[in-house]
Amino acid sequence: MARVVVVTTTVAMAGAAGAVAVTSWRRFRARLTANSLVLNETLPVHSKWWRDHAKLKGDLLYVAIGDSAAQGIGASSPDRSYVGVLADEIRAVTGRTLRVVNLSVSGATVELAVRDQLPRFVKLRPDIVTVAIGANDIALWDPVAFERGIREIFSALPPHALVADLPYFYFPHNERKVAVANSIVRRVAAEHGLTVVPLHAETKHQGVAGILTQFAIDLFHPNDHGYRVWANAFAPSLAALLVERFETPPATRLTGM
């Protein structure tokens, strides 16, 4: 009889613990949903900021193709996105004024970038180009469609464009898709002679601490710190590109971020 009581108690405790875990998980998911809605309210603000700044003149033209990361969703301000950080670095290294045309659209997949961003891109003659696209494709992963879109984008780029592979996704079921996506990015980039920026390696190197310190409140978009990590992934290739293509003041060459 005592054994029955013990077993019953154990089962009851396990059931209670399970119920608490389920409740906690639901509350966590609800909080993430609420936080995502908060960030969604910044989408038009960031988009307008980039549109307004695209009207400013500059000696050089920097064009970015991408998604919400290029827009800087999750950052404290749009200019703290990796695009904003890179723009500051370009100005510092070259000593020239810079016009930034950020073609990125929040939520963009590769297919949407082909549809919405490429038609605008081909009308421009950029001095610097960065491309970071594809993270939104992982949710509804279609490798054939992904490669088709990547080929269209990369074929439209100048040879000096910098293209990033996809960032680290932490969870194995996503990382398997990311591995395929990044192999496509590297293969197609090699066919076009484009430089691949190792964004995946840079973000993976941050480890578990990156989850705690480098993400915005939705635990998907980077925060200011996270965007600087993204910029650091571009830094070596960007520095080499600037020194090769533009005469830069000796004191600013190969500066770090």
C-alpha atoms as a PDB file:
ATOM      1  CA  MET A   1       0.000   0.000   0.000  1.00  0.00           C
ATOM      2  CA  ALA A   2       2.854   2.372   0.866  1.00  0.00           C
ATOM      3  CA  ARG A   3       4.459   1.701  -2.495  1.00  0.00           C
ATOM      4  CA  VAL A   4       1.221   2.609  -4.238  1.00  0.00           C
ATOM      5  CA  VAL A   5       1.118   5.899  -2.329  1.00  0.00           C
ATOM      6  CA  VAL A   6       4.722   6.683  -3.229  1.00  0.00           C
ATOM      7  CA  VAL A   7       4.152   5.920  -6.905  1.00  0.00           C
ATOM      8  CA  THR A   8       0.970   7.936  -6.961  1.00  0.00           C
ATOM      9  CA  THR A   9       2.704  10.861  -5.291  1.00  0.00           C
ATOM     10  CA  THR A  10       5.612  10.677  -7.727  1.00  0.00           C
ATOM     11  CA  VAL A  11       3.285  10.641 -10.705  1.00  0.00           C
ATOM     12  CA  ALA A  12       1.346  13.564  -9.274  1.00  0.00           C
ATOM     13  CA  MET A  13       4.557  15.546  -8.740  1.00  0.00           C
ATOM     14  CA  ALA A  14       5.743  14.781 -12.264  1.00  0.00           C
ATOM     15  CA  GLY A  15       2.387  15.843 -13.620  1.00  0.00           C
ATOM     16  CA  ALA A  16       2.503  19.077 -11.661  1.00  0.00           C
ATOM     17  CA  ALA A  17       6.044  19.802 -12.854  1.00  0.00           C
ATOM     18  CA  GLY A  18       4.970  19.125 -16.409  1.00  0.00           C
ATOM     19  CA  ALA A  19       2.016  21.468 -16.055  1.00  0.00           C
ATOM     20  CA  VAL A  20       4.284  24.194 -14.688  1.00  0.00           C
ATOM     21  CA  ALA A  21       6.696  23.684 -17.591  1.00  0.00           C
ATOM     22  CA  VAL A  22       3.879  23.902 -20.137  1.00  0.00           C
ATOM     23  CA  THR A  23       2.511  27.033 -18.499  1.00  0.00           C
ATOM     24  CA  SER A  24       5.968  28.628 -18.395  1.00  0.00           C
ATOM     25  CA  TRP A  25       6.569  27.778 -22.032  1.00  0.00           C
ATOM     26  CA  ARG A  26       3.236  29.288 -23.062  1.00  0.00           C
ATOM     27  CA  ARG A  27       3.990  32.446 -21.119  1.00  0.00           C
ATOM     28  CA  PHE A  28       7.431  32.638 -22.727  1.00  0.00           C
ATOM     29  CA  ARG A  29       5.936  32.236 -26.222  1.00  0.00           C
ATOM     30  CA  ALA A  30       3.293  34.855 -25.446  1.00  0.00           C
ATOM     31  CA  ARG A  31       5.978  37.277 -24.275  1.00  0.00           C
ATOM     32  CA  LEU A  32       8.006  36.686 -27.459  1.00  0.00           C
ATOM     33  CA  THR A  33       4.898  37.309 -29.555  1.00  0.00           C
ATOM     34  CA  ALA A  34       4.234  40.544 -27.709  1.00  0.00           C
ATOM     35  CA  ASN A  35       7.870  41.598 -28.127  1.00  0.00           C
ATOM     36  CA  SER A  36       7.709  40.817 -31.844  1.00  0.00           C
ATOM     37  CA  LEU A  37       4.694  43.082 -32.147  1.00  0.00           C
ATOM     38  CA  VAL A  38       6.658  45.848 -30.446  1.00  0.00           C
ATOM     39  CA  LEU A  39       9.459  45.514 -32.994  1.00  0.00           C
ATOM     40  CA  ASN A  40       6.947  45.346 -35.834  1.00  0.00           C
ATOM     41  CA  GLU A  41       5.911  48.864 -34.932  1.00  0.00           C
ATOM     42  CA  THR A  42       9.443  50.036 -35.767  1.00  0.00           C
ATOM     43  CA  LEU A  43       9.323  48.690 -39.351  1.00  0.00           C
ATOM     44  CA  PRO A  44       7.875  51.834 -40.967  1.00  0.00           C
ATOM     45  CA  VAL A  45      10.117  54.041 -38.834  1.00  0.00           C
ATOM     46  CA  HIS A  46      13.288  52.317 -40.003  1.00  0.00           C
ATOM     47  CA  SER A  47      12.102  52.137 -43.591  1.00  0.00           C
ATOM     48  CA  LYS A  48      11.381  55.874 -43.693  1.00  0.00           C
ATOM     49  CA  TRP A  49      14.733  56.654 -42.068  1.00  0.00           C
ATOM     50  CA  TRP A  50      16.603  54.819 -44.817  1.00  0.00           C
ATOM     51  CA  ARG A  51      14.467  56.358 -47.575  1.00  0.00           C
ATOM     52  CA  ASP A  52      15.157  59.841 -46.231  1.00  0.00           C
ATOM     53  CA  HIS A  53      18.898  59.210 -45.953  1.00  0.00           C
ATOM     54  CA  ALA A  54      19.043  57.793 -49.478  1.00  0.00           C
ATOM     55  CA  LYS A  55      18.297  61.323 -50.708  1.00  0.00           C
ATOM     56  CA  LEU A  56      21.527  62.667 -49.227  1.00  0.00           C
ATOM     57  CA  LYS A  57      24.409  63.148 -51.640  1.00  0.00           C
ATOM     58  CA  GLY A  58      27.858  61.633 -51.253  1.00  0.00           C
ATOM     59  CA  ASP A  59      31.138  61.126 -53.071  1.00  0.00           C
ATOM     60  CA  LEU A  60      30.622  57.358 -52.934  1.00  0.00           C
ATOM     61  CA  LEU A  61      27.498  55.214 -53.210  1.00  0.00           C
ATOM     62  CA  TYR A  62      26.903  52.237 -50.941  1.00  0.00           C
ATOM     63  CA  VAL A  63      23.963  49.987 -51.812  1.00  0.00           C
ATOM     64  CA  ALA A  64      22.659  47.234 -49.524  1.00  0.00           C
ATOM     65  CA  ILE A  65      20.405  44.328 -50.509  1.00  0.00           C
ATOM     66  CA  GLY A  66      18.825  42.415 -47.664  1.00  0.00           C
ATOM     67  CA  ASP A  67      16.012  41.983 -45.175  1.00  0.00           C
ATOM     68  CA  SER A  68      15.121  43.283 -41.713  1.00  0.00           C
ATOM     69  CA  ALA A  69      18.696  42.860 -40.507  1.00  0.00           C
ATOM     70  CA  ALA A  70      19.874  45.415 -43.064  1.00  0.00           C
ATOM     71  CA  GLN A  71      17.004  47.655 -41.963  1.00  0.00           C
ATOM     72  CA  GLY A  72      18.305  47.371 -38.400  1.00  0.00           C
ATOM     73  CA  ILE A  73      15.169  45.996 -36.766  1.00  0.00           C
ATOM     74  CA  GLY A  74      16.077  45.323 -33.142  1.00  0.00           C
ATOM     75  CA  ALA A  75      18.737  48.025 -33.025  1.00  0.00           C
ATOM     76  CA  SER A  76      18.291  51.137 -30.926  1.00  0.00           C
ATOM     77  CA  SER A  77      18.285  53.202 -34.138  1.00  0.00           C
ATOM     78  CA  PRO A  78      18.484  52.348 -37.873  1.00  0.00           C
ATOM     79  CA  ASP A  79      22.076  53.566 -38.210  1.00  0.00           C
ATOM     80  CA  ARG A  80      23.153  50.949 -35.664  1.00  0.00           C
ATOM     81  CA  SER A  81      22.295  48.134 -38.060  1.00  0.00           C
ATOM     82  CA  TYR A  82      25.270  46.441 -39.685  1.00  0.00           C
ATOM     83  CA  VAL A  83      24.623  48.622 -42.758  1.00  0.00           C
ATOM     84  CA  GLY A  84      24.897  51.743 -40.625  1.00  0.00           C
ATOM     85  CA  VAL A  85      28.068  50.509 -38.926  1.00  0.00           C
ATOM     86  CA  LEU A  86      29.644  49.649 -42.275  1.00  0.00           C
ATOM     87  CA  ALA A  87      28.663  53.030 -43.689  1.00  0.00           C
ATOM     88  CA  ASP A  88      30.464  54.756 -40.819  1.00  0.00           C
ATOM     89  CA  GLU A  89      33.523  52.606 -41.453  1.00  0.00           C
ATOM     90  CA  ILE A  90      33.530  53.442 -45.157  1.00  0.00           C
ATOM     91  CA  ARG A  91      33.446  57.151 -44.363  1.00  0.00           C
ATOM     92  CA  ALA A  92      36.214  56.797 -41.788  1.00  0.00           C
ATOM     93  CA  VAL A  93      38.513  54.720 -44.002  1.00  0.00           C
ATOM     94  CA  THR A  94      38.061  56.644 -47.246  1.00  0.00           C
ATOM     95  CA  GLY A  95      37.682  60.108 -45.778  1.00  0.00           C
ATOM     96  CA  ARG A  96      34.850  60.719 -48.244  1.00  0.00           C
ATOM     97  CA  THR A  97      31.183  61.486 -47.942  1.00  0.00           C
ATOM     98  CA  LEU A  98      28.836  58.578 -48.567  1.00  0.00           C
ATOM     99  CA  ARG A  99      25.342  58.136 -49.913  1.00  0.00           C
ATOM    100  CA  VAL A 100      23.657  54.979 -48.622  1.00  0.00           C
ATOM    101  CA  VAL A 101      20.795  53.410 -50.563  1.00  0.00           C
ATOM    102  CA  ASN A 102      19.394  50.620 -48.429  1.00  0.00           C
ATOM    103  CA  LEU A 103      17.147  48.576 -50.713  1.00  0.00           C
ATOM    104  CA  SER A 104      16.380  46.009 -48.018  1.00  0.00           C
ATOM    105  CA  VAL A 105      12.825  45.132 -47.043  1.00  0.00           C
ATOM    106  CA  SER A 106      11.835  43.604 -43.726  1.00  0.00           C
ATOM    107  CA  GLY A 107      10.622  40.034 -44.190  1.00  0.00           C
ATOM    108  CA  ALA A 108      12.277  39.708 -47.582  1.00  0.00           C
ATOM    109  CA  THR A 109      13.122  36.253 -48.887  1.00  0.00           C
ATOM    110  CA  VAL A 110      15.471  35.634 -51.784  1.00  0.00           C
ATOM    111  CA  GLU A 111      12.496  35.485 -54.134  1.00  0.00           C
ATOM    112  CA  LEU A 112      11.104  38.788 -52.843  1.00  0.00           C
ATOM    113  CA  ALA A 113      14.525  40.416 -53.133  1.00  0.00           C
ATOM    114  CA  VAL A 114      14.592  39.425 -56.804  1.00  0.00           C
ATOM    115  CA  ARG A 115      11.130  40.869 -57.301  1.00  0.00           C
ATOM    116  CA  ASP A 116      11.375  44.067 -55.260  1.00  0.00           C
ATOM    117  CA  GLN A 117      15.045  44.986 -54.849  1.00  0.00           C
ATOM    118  CA  LEU A 118      16.818  43.921 -58.045  1.00  0.00           C
ATOM    119  CA  PRO A 119      14.777  46.177 -60.379  1.00  0.00           C
ATOM    120  CA  ARG A 120      15.900  49.167 -58.304  1.00  0.00           C
ATOM    121  CA  PHE A 121      19.443  47.887 -57.938  1.00  0.00           C
ATOM    122  CA  VAL A 122      20.139  47.583 -61.657  1.00  0.00           C
ATOM    123  CA  LYS A 123      19.424  51.298 -62.095  1.00  0.00           C
ATOM    124  CA  LEU A 124      22.278  52.224 -59.741  1.00  0.00           C
ATOM    125  CA  ARG A 125      26.062  52.314 -60.127  1.00  0.00           C
ATOM    126  CA  PRO A 126      27.274  51.563 -56.596  1.00  0.00           C
ATOM    127  CA  ASP A 127      30.858  51.827 -55.418  1.00  0.00           C
ATOM    128  CA  ILE A 128      30.226  49.409 -52.534  1.00  0.00           C
ATOM    129  CA  VAL A 129      27.616  46.637 -52.406  1.00  0.00           C
ATOM    130  CA  THR A 130      26.672  44.297 -49.582  1.00  0.00           C
ATOM    131  CA  VAL A 131      24.172  41.465 -49.776  1.00  0.00           C
ATOM    132  CA  ALA A 132      22.811  39.515 -46.791  1.00  0.00           C
ATOM    133  CA  ILE A 133      19.631  37.673 -47.703  1.00  0.00           C
ATOM    134  CA  GLY A 134      18.124  34.238 -47.131  1.00  0.00           C
ATOM    135  CA  ALA A 135      17.455  33.944 -43.403  1.00  0.00           C
ATOM    136  CA  ASN A 136      13.711  34.242 -43.995  1.00  0.00           C
ATOM    137  CA  ASP A 137      13.847  31.380 -46.493  1.00  0.00           C
ATOM    138  CA  ILE A 138      14.683  28.853 -43.784  1.00  0.00           C
ATOM    139  CA  ALA A 139      11.157  28.789 -42.337  1.00  0.00           C
ATOM    140  CA  LEU A 140       9.641  27.462 -45.586  1.00  0.00           C
ATOM    141  CA  TRP A 141      12.800  25.938 -46.983  1.00  0.00           C
ATOM    142  CA  ASP A 142      12.912  25.243 -50.716  1.00  0.00           C
ATOM    143  CA  PRO A 143      16.501  24.716 -51.906  1.00  0.00           C
ATOM    144  CA  VAL A 144      15.568  24.824 -55.589  1.00  0.00           C
ATOM    145  CA  ALA A 145      13.780  28.159 -55.291  1.00  0.00           C
ATOM    146  CA  PHE A 146      16.571  29.476 -53.051  1.00  0.00           C
ATOM    147  CA  GLU A 147      19.293  28.660 -55.574  1.00  0.00           C
ATOM    148  CA  ARG A 148      17.249  30.078 -58.437  1.00  0.00           C
ATOM    149  CA  GLY A 149      16.871  33.377 -56.587  1.00  0.00           C
ATOM    150  CA  ILE A 150      20.493  33.497 -55.457  1.00  0.00           C
ATOM    151  CA  ARG A 151      21.606  33.003 -59.044  1.00  0.00           C
ATOM    152  CA  GLU A 152      19.453  35.896 -60.214  1.00  0.00           C
ATOM    153  CA  ILE A 153      20.769  38.201 -57.512  1.00  0.00           C
ATOM    154  CA  PHE A 154      24.435  37.273 -57.858  1.00  0.00           C
ATOM    155  CA  SER A 155      24.362  37.548 -61.633  1.00  0.00           C
ATOM    156  CA  ALA A 156      23.249  41.185 -61.290  1.00  0.00           C
ATOM    157  CA  LEU A 157      26.056  42.149 -58.884  1.00  0.00           C
ATOM    158  CA  PRO A 158      29.339  43.867 -59.777  1.00  0.00           C
ATOM    159  CA  PRO A 159      32.479  41.793 -59.096  1.00  0.00           C
ATOM    160  CA  HIS A 160      33.391  43.900 -56.061  1.00  0.00           C
ATOM    161  CA  ALA A 161      30.128  43.083 -54.216  1.00  0.00           C
ATOM    162  CA  LEU A 162      30.386  41.429 -50.791  1.00  0.00           C
ATOM    163  CA  VAL A 163      27.845  38.655 -50.182  1.00  0.00           C
ATOM    164  CA  ALA A 164      27.273  37.152 -46.745  1.00  0.00           C
ATOM    165  CA  ASP A 165      26.333  33.575 -46.056  1.00  0.00           C
ATOM    166  CA  LEU A 166      23.461  32.932 -43.640  1.00  0.00           C
ATOM    167  CA  PRO A 167      24.001  33.480 -39.903  1.00  0.00           C
ATOM    168  CA  TYR A 168      24.095  30.769 -37.274  1.00  0.00           C
ATOM    169  CA  PHE A 169      20.619  29.488 -36.348  1.00  0.00           C
ATOM    170  CA  TYR A 170      21.530  27.605 -33.143  1.00  0.00           C
ATOM    171  CA  PHE A 171      18.976  24.773 -33.476  1.00  0.00           C
ATOM    172  CA  PRO A 172      20.042  21.613 -35.373  1.00  0.00           C
ATOM    173  CA  HIS A 173      16.890  21.312 -37.505  1.00  0.00           C
ATOM    174  CA  ASN A 174      17.482  24.837 -38.819  1.00  0.00           C
ATOM    175  CA  GLU A 175      21.233  24.481 -39.062  1.00  0.00           C
ATOM    176  CA  ARG A 176      20.831  21.555 -41.464  1.00  0.00           C
ATOM    177  CA  LYS A 177      18.908  23.834 -43.824  1.00  0.00           C
ATOM    178  CA  VAL A 178      21.395  26.665 -43.307  1.00  0.00           C
ATOM    179  CA  ALA A 179      24.267  24.336 -44.255  1.00  0.00           C
ATOM    180  CA  VAL A 180      22.591  23.624 -47.593  1.00  0.00           C
ATOM    181  CA  ALA A 181      21.804  27.315 -48.140  1.00  0.00           C
ATOM    182  CA  ASN A 182      25.367  28.358 -47.400  1.00  0.00           C
ATOM    183  CA  SER A 183      26.818  25.738 -49.719  1.00  0.00           C
ATOM    184  CA  ILE A 184      24.617  27.221 -52.462  1.00  0.00           C
ATOM    185  CA  VAL A 185      25.743  30.757 -51.608  1.00  0.00           C
ATOM    186  CA  ARG A 186      29.418  29.811 -51.724  1.00  0.00           C
ATOM    187  CA  ARG A 187      29.113  27.785 -54.924  1.00  0.00           C
ATOM    188  CA  VAL A 188      27.202  30.436 -56.864  1.00  0.00           C
ATOM    189  CA  ALA A 189      29.429  33.215 -55.499  1.00  0.00           C
ATOM    190  CA  ALA A 190      32.497  31.313 -56.716  1.00  0.00           C
ATOM    191  CA  GLU A 191      30.974  31.022 -60.179  1.00  0.00           C
ATOM    192  CA  HIS A 192      30.635  34.824 -60.296  1.00  0.00           C
ATOM    193  CA  GLY A 193      33.935  35.603 -58.569  1.00  0.00           C
ATOM    194  CA  LEU A 194      32.238  37.241 -55.596  1.00  0.00           C
ATOM    195  CA  THR A 195      33.681  37.517 -52.098  1.00  0.00           C
ATOM    196  CA  VAL A 196      31.720  35.595 -49.456  1.00  0.00           C
ATOM    197  CA  VAL A 197      31.585  37.167 -46.011  1.00  0.00           C
ATOM    198  CA  PRO A 198      31.709  34.477 -43.252  1.00  0.00           C
ATOM    199  CA  LEU A 199      28.675  35.641 -41.294  1.00  0.00           C
ATOM    200  CA  HIS A 200      27.814  32.104 -40.191  1.00  0.00           C
ATOM    201  CA  ALA A 201      31.234  31.478 -38.684  1.00  0.00           C
ATOM    202  CA  GLU A 202      31.292  34.885 -36.982  1.00  0.00           C
ATOM    203  CA  THR A 203      27.865  34.464 -35.374  1.00  0.00           C
ATOM    204  CA  LYS A 204      28.484  30.824 -34.430  1.00  0.00           C
ATOM    205  CA  HIS A 205      31.706  31.858 -32.728  1.00  0.00           C
ATOM    206  CA  GLN A 206      29.664  33.961 -30.272  1.00  0.00           C
ATOM    207  CA  GLY A 207      28.315  30.767 -28.680  1.00  0.00           C
ATOM    208  CA  VAL A 208      25.559  30.609 -26.085  1.00  0.00           C
ATOM    209  CA  ALA A 209      26.612  33.993 -24.722  1.00  0.00           C
ATOM    210  CA  GLY A 210      25.438  35.458 -28.013  1.00  0.00           C
ATOM    211  CA  ILE A 211      21.868  34.430 -27.250  1.00  0.00           C
ATOM    212  CA  LEU A 212      21.980  36.278 -23.943  1.00  0.00           C
ATOM    213  CA  THR A 213      23.734  39.461 -25.076  1.00  0.00           C
ATOM    214  CA  GLN A 214      23.316  39.959 -28.826  1.00  0.00           C
ATOM    215  CA  PHE A 215      19.613  39.560 -29.572  1.00  0.00           C
ATOM    216  CA  ALA A 216      16.709  41.977 -29.381  1.00  0.00           C
ATOM    217  CA  ILE A 217      13.610  41.346 -27.297  1.00  0.00           C
ATOM    218  CA  ASP A 218      12.107  38.983 -29.885  1.00  0.00           C
ATOM    219  CA  LEU A 219      15.168  36.697 -29.654  1.00  0.00           C
ATOM    220  CA  PHE A 220      15.398  36.711 -33.451  1.00  0.00           C
ATOM    221  CA  HIS A 221      16.767  40.061 -34.585  1.00  0.00           C
ATOM    222  CA  PRO A 222      20.173  41.258 -33.374  1.00  0.00           C
ATOM    223  CA  ASN A 223      20.503  44.173 -30.981  1.00  0.00           C
ATOM    224  CA  ASP A 224      23.193  46.876 -31.262  1.00  0.00           C
ATOM    225  CA  HIS A 225      25.859  44.449 -30.039  1.00  0.00           C
ATOM    226  CA  GLY A 226      24.682  41.731 -32.397  1.00  0.00           C
ATOM    227  CA  TYR A 227      24.747  44.052 -35.398  1.00  0.00           C
ATOM    228  CA  ARG A 228      28.301  44.998 -34.596  1.00  0.00           C
ATOM    229  CA  VAL A 229      29.149  41.298 -34.727  1.00  0.00           C
ATOM    230  CA  TRP A 230      27.571  41.205 -38.197  1.00  0.00           C
ATOM    231  CA  ALA A 231      29.633  44.236 -39.196  1.00  0.00           C
ATOM    232  CA  ASN A 232      32.761  42.533 -37.884  1.00  0.00           C
ATOM    233  CA  ALA A 233      32.081  39.640 -40.249  1.00  0.00           C
ATOM    234  CA  PHE A 234      32.216  42.099 -43.155  1.00  0.00           C
ATOM    235  CA  ALA A 235      35.168  44.088 -41.778  1.00  0.00           C
ATOM    236  CA  PRO A 236      38.212  42.277 -43.251  1.00  0.00           C
ATOM    237  CA  SER A 237      36.723  41.980 -46.744  1.00  0.00           C
ATOM    238  CA  LEU A 238      35.433  45.548 -46.648  1.00  0.00           C
ATOM    239  CA  ALA A 239      38.786  46.940 -45.538  1.00  0.00           C
ATOM    240  CA  ALA A 240      40.587  45.080 -48.334  1.00  0.00           C
ATOM    241  CA  LEU A 241      38.018  46.294 -50.855  1.00  0.00           C
ATOM    242  CA  LEU A 242      38.306  49.935 -49.793  1.00  0.00           C
ATOM    243  CA  VAL A 243      42.103  49.913 -49.919  1.00  0.00           C
ATOM    244  CA  GLU A 244      42.059  48.232 -53.321  1.00  0.00           C
ATOM    245  CA  ARG A 245      39.410  50.420 -54.956  1.00  0.00           C
ATOM    246  CA  PHE A 246      39.916  53.820 -53.347  1.00  0.00           C
ATOM    247  CA  GLU A 247      42.823  55.948 -52.290  1.00  0.00           C
ATOM    248  CA  THR A 248      42.570  56.061 -48.522  1.00  0.00           C
ATOM    249  CA  PRO A 249      44.447  58.157 -45.961  1.00  0.00           C
ATOM    250  CA  PRO A 250      47.287  55.989 -44.548  1.00  0.00           C
ATOM    251  CA  ALA A 251      46.248  56.618 -40.949  1.00  0.00           C
ATOM    252  CA  THR A 252      42.820  55.070 -41.508  1.00  0.00           C
ATOM    253  CA  ARG A 253      43.686  52.029 -43.546  1.00  0.00           C
ATOM    254  CA  LEU A 254      42.580  48.632 -42.278  1.00  0.00           C
ATOM    255  CA  THR A 255      40.924  50.083 -39.202  1.00  0.00           C
ATOM    256  CA  GLY A 256      38.970  47.654 -37.064  1.00  0.00           C
ATOM    257  CA  MET A 257      35.354  47.990 -35.941  1.00  0.00           C
END
